[in-house]
Amino acid sequence: MKKLLALIVCLAAAAPALAQTPCPCPEKKEPPPPPAFTGAVGFGLGINSGNTDTTNFSFTLGLKYDPKTKNIVKLDGYYLYGRSDGVTTTQKSNFVLRDEYSFTERFFAFGEVGYLYDRFKGITYLITPIVGAGYKIVKTKEITLALDGGVGLAIEQDAGYPSKTSGALRAGEAFEWQISTWAKLAQNFYGLWKMDDFSDYFLHFDVGVVSPLSKALELKVAYLTDYKNKPQPDTLKKTDRSFLAAVGYKF
């Protein structure tokens, strides 16, 4: 009986210590941070033979460096080539390198350099270094709408004409909508006006949808329009439209 009472006393004394012993549960691991460098490279190819032999090729590029600070660097662009019955019918490229710094969640400044080549609009090159600022009117998890404006230079050479450099004004708009996990819509518009002749301006519009095919592949479909108010020579059409579809590898 004394031994039983002694055992009960010992157990009662040890109970608080046992109650405070933490559960040997495994530590919860934090998910790894997203990579700072991401991007996608896309290729599209269309071939038709028969009454006409046509080949269409497209290359798209979208790179982004975001170290999760206030600074983001992006490189976006495309190259289009088309050939019909042995004659080149389309050849153009457009690339923009942009460095964007956010002062607040909505207000940002940017510096960018754009490059445009369009054989059938007679543009050998149009290089546009621009600095400016912008504001995100809408900023949610699914939707972003931003307006920006800037000032810089327009360095242009048209086929058969000497190179010209002028001051330039730029205004633009960008809209993104994450419709679902399977679809994202992106739309961009910008205008470029030369300071020495405001009637000599260039407008660009594009809209596209990107949908993942797998963890590493995605499908991109886009429509693009370019308008040059004063092409050289003036017999050239002012408006060019392009449609592209490409399968991209994302990383």
Protein backbone atom coordinates (compact mmCIF):
# COMPACT_ATOMS: atom_id res chain seq x y z
CA MET A 1 0.00 0.00 0.00
CA LYS A 2 2.81 2.41 0.83
CA LYS A 3 4.50 1.60 -2.48
CA LEU A 4 1.26 2.33 -4.36
CA LEU A 5 0.84 5.69 -2.59
CA ALA A 6 4.46 6.58 -3.37
CA LEU A 7 3.93 5.79 -7.08
CA ILE A 8 0.78 7.97 -7.20
CA VAL A 9 2.64 10.87 -5.59
CA CYS A 10 5.52 10.58 -8.11
CA LEU A 11 3.14 10.50 -11.07
CA ALA A 12 1.24 13.53 -9.76
CA ALA A 13 4.49 15.48 -9.40
CA ALA A 14 5.64 14.59 -12.92
CA ALA A 15 2.32 15.39 -14.64
CA PRO A 16 2.93 19.18 -15.09
CA ALA A 17 6.36 18.55 -16.65
CA LEU A 18 4.92 15.96 -19.04
CA ALA A 19 2.11 18.34 -20.01
CA GLN A 20 4.66 21.03 -20.98
CA THR A 21 6.74 18.71 -23.17
CA PRO A 22 6.29 19.93 -26.79
CA CYS A 23 4.95 17.58 -29.42
CA PRO A 24 7.76 16.20 -31.55
CA CYS A 25 6.02 17.44 -34.75
CA PRO A 26 8.11 17.98 -37.90
CA GLU A 27 9.05 21.60 -38.61
CA LYS A 28 6.93 23.33 -41.24
CA LYS A 29 9.12 24.20 -44.21
CA GLU A 30 8.61 27.55 -45.90
CA PRO A 31 8.09 27.34 -49.68
CA PRO A 32 11.11 28.51 -51.68
CA PRO A 33 10.93 32.10 -52.95
CA PRO A 34 9.96 32.53 -56.61
CA PRO A 35 12.90 32.88 -58.98
CA ALA A 36 14.04 36.42 -59.75
CA PHE A 37 14.54 35.66 -63.43
CA THR A 38 11.59 34.32 -65.44
CA GLY A 39 10.60 34.31 -69.07
CA ALA A 40 9.19 32.56 -72.10
CA VAL A 41 10.45 31.96 -75.63
CA GLY A 42 7.90 31.09 -78.31
CA PHE A 43 8.00 29.80 -81.87
CA GLY A 44 5.25 29.58 -84.47
CA LEU A 45 5.37 28.01 -87.93
CA GLY A 46 2.76 27.76 -90.67
CA ILE A 47 3.35 26.03 -94.03
CA ASN A 48 0.89 25.71 -96.91
CA SER A 49 1.48 24.07 -100.31
CA GLY A 50 -0.68 23.50 -103.36
CA ASN A 51 -2.01 26.35 -105.47
CA THR A 52 0.23 28.63 -103.39
CA ASP A 53 3.31 27.86 -101.35
CA THR A 54 3.41 29.94 -98.17
CA THR A 55 5.57 29.88 -95.08
CA ASN A 56 5.01 31.96 -91.96
CA PHE A 57 7.38 32.04 -89.00
CA SER A 58 7.09 33.90 -85.70
CA PHE A 59 9.39 34.28 -82.73
CA THR A 60 8.28 35.82 -79.44
CA LEU A 61 10.33 36.72 -76.40
CA GLY A 62 9.38 37.80 -72.89
CA LEU A 63 12.02 38.04 -70.16
CA LYS A 64 11.62 39.52 -66.68
CA TYR A 65 14.04 40.12 -63.82
CA ASP A 66 12.22 40.81 -60.56
CA PRO A 67 14.32 40.41 -57.38
CA LYS A 68 11.22 41.34 -55.32
CA THR A 69 12.54 44.81 -54.62
CA LYS A 70 11.27 48.02 -56.18
CA ASN A 71 13.06 47.48 -59.49
CA ILE A 72 11.95 45.32 -62.45
CA VAL A 73 13.74 44.84 -65.77
CA LYS A 74 11.82 43.47 -68.77
CA LEU A 75 12.67 42.57 -72.37
CA ASP A 76 9.75 41.91 -74.72
CA GLY A 77 9.61 41.53 -78.46
CA TYR A 78 8.78 39.54 -81.56
CA TYR A 79 10.02 38.74 -85.07
CA LEU A 80 7.67 37.90 -87.95
CA TYR A 81 8.58 36.48 -91.35
CA GLY A 82 6.33 35.41 -94.21
CA ARG A 83 7.01 34.07 -97.69
CA SER A 84 4.61 33.22 -100.52
CA ASP A 85 5.55 31.56 -103.83
CA GLY A 86 9.20 32.37 -103.26
CA VAL A 87 8.58 36.05 -102.48
CA THR A 88 8.99 37.55 -99.01
CA THR A 89 5.70 39.10 -97.90
CA THR A 90 6.34 39.91 -94.22
CA GLN A 91 9.49 40.80 -92.31
CA LYS A 92 9.35 42.88 -89.16
CA SER A 93 10.63 42.92 -85.59
CA ASN A 94 9.94 44.96 -82.49
CA PHE A 95 11.82 44.76 -79.16
CA VAL A 96 11.66 46.90 -76.01
CA LEU A 97 14.08 46.80 -73.06
CA ARG A 98 12.53 48.51 -70.02
CA ASP A 99 13.73 49.25 -66.50
CA GLU A 100 10.91 50.15 -64.10
CA TYR A 101 11.26 51.47 -60.54
CA SER A 102 8.26 51.64 -58.19
CA PHE A 103 8.14 54.50 -55.66
CA THR A 104 4.83 53.24 -54.28
CA GLU A 105 2.50 50.36 -55.10
CA ARG A 106 1.00 52.45 -57.92
CA PHE A 107 3.46 55.21 -58.92
CA PHE A 108 6.56 54.29 -60.93
CA ALA A 109 9.31 55.71 -63.14
CA PHE A 110 10.84 53.98 -66.15
CA GLY A 111 13.59 54.08 -68.71
CA GLU A 112 13.37 52.10 -71.93
CA VAL A 113 14.89 51.61 -75.36
CA GLY A 114 12.70 50.44 -78.23
CA TYR A 115 13.81 49.00 -81.57
CA LEU A 116 11.55 48.58 -84.61
CA TYR A 117 12.32 47.15 -88.06
CA ASP A 118 9.66 46.81 -90.75
CA ARG A 119 10.82 46.01 -94.25
CA PHE A 120 7.47 46.58 -95.97
CA LYS A 121 6.76 49.84 -94.17
CA GLY A 122 10.19 51.03 -95.27
CA ILE A 123 11.59 51.33 -91.72
CA THR A 124 15.22 50.23 -91.64
CA TYR A 125 15.32 51.08 -87.94
CA LEU A 126 13.47 53.21 -85.41
CA ILE A 127 15.32 53.44 -82.10
CA THR A 128 13.56 55.21 -79.22
CA PRO A 129 15.32 55.83 -75.87
CA ILE A 130 12.65 57.16 -73.49
CA VAL A 131 12.45 58.11 -69.80
CA GLY A 132 9.18 58.81 -68.01
CA ALA A 133 6.73 57.97 -65.26
CA GLY A 134 3.42 56.20 -64.87
CA TYR A 135 0.56 55.36 -62.53
CA LYS A 136 -1.36 52.12 -62.01
CA ILE A 137 -5.01 53.19 -61.99
CA VAL A 138 -6.16 49.66 -61.12
CA LYS A 139 -3.97 47.28 -59.12
CA THR A 140 -5.55 44.07 -57.85
CA LYS A 141 -4.49 40.44 -57.73
CA GLU A 142 -6.27 39.73 -61.04
CA ILE A 143 -6.29 43.07 -62.91
CA THR A 144 -3.71 45.79 -63.58
CA LEU A 145 -4.31 48.94 -65.64
CA ALA A 146 -1.44 51.43 -65.99
CA LEU A 147 -0.89 54.69 -67.86
CA ASP A 148 2.54 56.19 -68.55
CA GLY A 149 4.20 58.99 -70.44
CA GLY A 150 7.74 59.99 -71.26
CA VAL A 151 10.16 62.03 -73.32
CA GLY A 152 13.26 61.04 -75.28
CA LEU A 153 14.54 60.62 -78.82
CA ALA A 154 13.38 59.05 -82.09
CA ILE A 155 16.30 57.90 -84.25
CA GLU A 156 14.91 56.68 -87.57
CA GLN A 157 16.15 55.64 -90.96
CA ASP A 158 13.73 54.71 -93.72
CA ALA A 159 14.87 52.66 -96.72
CA GLY A 160 16.45 54.98 -99.28
CA TYR A 161 16.39 58.01 -96.97
CA PRO A 162 19.01 59.50 -94.62
CA SER A 163 18.83 58.89 -90.88
CA LYS A 164 16.97 61.51 -88.82
CA THR A 165 17.02 62.23 -85.08
CA SER A 166 14.31 64.14 -83.28
CA GLY A 167 13.01 64.69 -79.79
CA ALA A 168 10.01 62.49 -79.06
CA LEU A 169 7.02 62.25 -76.74
CA ARG A 170 5.54 58.90 -75.76
CA ALA A 171 2.22 57.98 -74.12
CA GLY A 172 1.12 54.46 -73.36
CA GLU A 173 -1.37 52.18 -71.65
CA ALA A 174 -1.04 48.59 -70.43
CA PHE A 175 -3.78 46.22 -69.24
CA GLU A 176 -3.45 42.72 -67.78
CA TRP A 177 -6.21 40.39 -66.62
CA GLN A 178 -5.59 37.01 -65.03
CA ILE A 179 -8.90 35.53 -66.15
CA SER A 180 -8.23 32.16 -64.53
CA THR A 181 -5.37 29.77 -63.87
CA TRP A 182 -5.73 28.73 -67.51
CA ALA A 183 -5.89 32.10 -69.27
CA LYS A 184 -4.25 35.51 -69.06
CA LEU A 185 -5.12 38.48 -71.28
CA ALA A 186 -2.61 41.25 -71.98
CA GLN A 187 -3.21 44.43 -74.01
CA ASN A 188 -0.84 47.30 -74.78
CA PHE A 189 -1.06 50.59 -76.63
CA TYR A 190 1.45 53.39 -77.14
CA GLY A 191 1.94 56.40 -79.36
CA LEU A 192 5.18 58.15 -80.34
CA TRP A 193 5.19 61.74 -81.61
CA LYS A 194 8.25 63.49 -83.06
CA MET A 195 8.84 66.95 -81.63
CA ASP A 196 10.01 68.50 -84.90
CA ASP A 197 6.79 67.39 -86.64
CA PHE A 198 3.87 66.24 -84.49
CA SER A 199 2.04 64.99 -87.59
CA ASP A 200 4.81 62.39 -87.99
CA TYR A 201 3.70 59.87 -85.37
CA PHE A 202 3.62 56.12 -84.83
CA LEU A 203 0.92 54.10 -83.03
CA HIS A 204 1.09 50.51 -81.82
CA PHE A 205 -1.65 48.25 -80.42
CA ASP A 206 -1.52 44.60 -79.42
CA VAL A 207 -3.78 42.22 -77.55
CA GLY A 208 -3.16 38.57 -76.76
CA VAL A 209 -4.13 35.60 -74.63
CA VAL A 210 -1.69 33.16 -73.03
CA SER A 211 -2.78 29.74 -71.81
CA PRO A 212 -0.55 27.09 -70.18
CA LEU A 213 -0.32 23.72 -71.93
CA SER A 214 1.85 22.14 -69.24
CA LYS A 215 4.23 23.20 -66.50
CA ALA A 216 6.83 24.24 -69.09
CA LEU A 217 4.79 25.01 -72.22
CA GLU A 218 2.25 27.69 -73.09
CA LEU A 219 0.16 28.76 -76.07
CA LYS A 220 0.09 32.43 -77.08
CA VAL A 221 -2.33 33.98 -79.57
CA ALA A 222 -2.01 37.69 -80.37
CA TYR A 223 -3.20 40.43 -82.73
CA LEU A 224 -0.99 43.43 -83.55
CA THR A 225 -1.58 46.70 -85.39
CA ASP A 226 1.00 49.35 -86.34
CA TYR A 227 0.08 52.75 -87.81
CA LYS A 228 2.61 55.23 -89.21
CA ASN A 229 1.07 58.52 -90.23
CA LYS A 230 3.92 59.57 -92.56
CA PRO A 231 5.48 56.53 -94.21
CA GLN A 232 8.27 57.11 -96.73
CA PRO A 233 7.44 57.08 -99.57
CA ASP A 234 3.85 58.22 -99.00
CA THR A 235 2.59 55.56 -101.43
CA LEU A 236 3.03 52.96 -98.68
CA LYS A 237 0.00 51.96 -96.61
CA LYS A 238 -0.15 53.54 -93.18
CA THR A 239 -1.59 50.52 -91.34
CA ASP A 240 -0.15 47.02 -90.94
CA ARG A 241 -1.90 44.19 -89.10
CA SER A 242 -0.46 40.90 -87.92
CA PHE A 243 -1.82 37.77 -86.26
CA LEU A 244 0.44 35.28 -84.55
CA ALA A 245 0.12 32.01 -82.70
CA ALA A 246 3.10 30.47 -80.98
CA VAL A 247 3.96 27.68 -78.58
CA GLY A 248 6.38 28.88 -75.92
CA TYR A 249 8.75 27.38 -73.41
CA LYS A 250 8.56 29.15 -70.04
CA PHE A 251 11.15 29.15 -67.28
